[in-house]
Protein backbone atom coordinates (compact mmCIF):
# COMPACT_ATOMS: atom_id res chain seq x y z
CA MET A 1 -57.21 -222.06 -107.02
CA LEU A 2 -54.60 -219.56 -107.96
CA LYS A 3 -51.97 -221.62 -105.90
CA ALA A 4 -52.93 -224.68 -108.05
CA ALA A 5 -52.58 -222.60 -111.04
CA ILE A 6 -48.86 -222.51 -109.91
CA VAL A 7 -48.14 -225.47 -109.18
CA LEU A 8 -49.28 -227.14 -112.52
CA MET A 9 -47.23 -224.15 -114.57
CA LEU A 10 -44.52 -225.50 -111.44
CA LEU A 11 -44.20 -228.39 -112.78
CA ALA A 12 -45.14 -227.50 -116.25
CA THR A 13 -42.16 -225.35 -116.30
CA ILE A 14 -39.51 -228.51 -114.48
CA ALA A 15 -41.14 -230.81 -117.50
CA SER A 16 -39.93 -227.75 -120.03
CA LEU A 17 -36.37 -227.88 -119.42
CA PHE A 18 -35.59 -231.61 -119.13
CA SER A 19 -37.30 -231.51 -122.76
CA GLY A 20 -34.98 -229.63 -123.32
CA LEU A 21 -31.90 -231.37 -121.60
CA PHE A 22 -32.89 -233.80 -123.17
CA PHE A 23 -33.55 -232.31 -126.51
CA LEU A 24 -29.91 -230.73 -125.69
CA VAL A 25 -28.04 -234.55 -125.86
CA LYS A 26 -30.50 -236.27 -128.23
CA ASP A 27 -29.85 -233.64 -130.70
CA ASP A 28 -26.62 -233.39 -133.14
CA GLY A 29 -27.02 -229.00 -132.71
CA GLN A 30 -28.62 -229.38 -136.50
CA SER A 31 -32.21 -228.96 -134.04
CA THR A 32 -34.26 -226.12 -133.17
CA ARG A 33 -36.08 -227.90 -130.86
CA LEU A 34 -33.69 -227.57 -127.47
CA LEU A 35 -34.54 -223.36 -128.66
CA LYS A 36 -38.18 -224.13 -128.35
CA ALA A 37 -38.48 -225.76 -125.40
CA LEU A 38 -35.99 -223.10 -123.37
CA THR A 39 -38.07 -220.08 -124.38
CA ILE A 40 -41.53 -221.98 -123.45
CA ARG A 41 -39.28 -222.56 -120.43
CA VAL A 42 -38.92 -218.68 -119.99
CA THR A 43 -42.07 -218.29 -120.73
CA LEU A 44 -43.45 -220.40 -118.31
CA ALA A 45 -41.53 -218.77 -115.69
CA ALA A 46 -42.67 -215.75 -116.56
CA LEU A 47 -46.64 -216.22 -116.13
CA THR A 48 -45.64 -217.90 -112.99
CA LEU A 49 -43.62 -215.21 -111.54
CA ALA A 50 -46.79 -212.89 -113.44
CA LEU A 51 -49.59 -215.66 -111.50
CA VAL A 52 -47.33 -215.12 -108.40
CA THR A 53 -47.38 -211.56 -107.95
CA TRP A 54 -50.92 -211.21 -109.17
CA GLY A 55 -51.42 -213.36 -106.34
CA PHE A 56 -49.68 -210.50 -103.56
CA TYR A 57 -51.29 -207.74 -105.23
CA SER A 58 -54.59 -208.88 -104.66
CA GLY A 59 -54.93 -210.43 -101.49
CA GLN A 60 -55.60 -214.11 -102.43
CA LEU A 61 -52.29 -215.39 -101.58
CA VAL A 62 -50.52 -213.72 -98.30
CA SER A 63 -46.54 -213.87 -96.24
CA HIS A 64 -46.89 -215.41 -92.93
CA ALA A 65 -42.37 -214.67 -93.04
CA PRO A 66 -41.72 -213.15 -88.82
CA PHE A 67 -39.97 -210.75 -90.56
């Protein structure tokens, strides 16, 4: 369940990134939609990082790296 939530958060982050790109290209600088899209992207990225941190702390995510 946690892995699915992390993947959904990453997809939402990518969608917000592309909406910000769209607003950057289409708006003439008169709107705050770009600022809102990038704020949402930063918030989603922070929440994703918090989910990953919580997953490692709780033991639901495990690293299998050899180092």
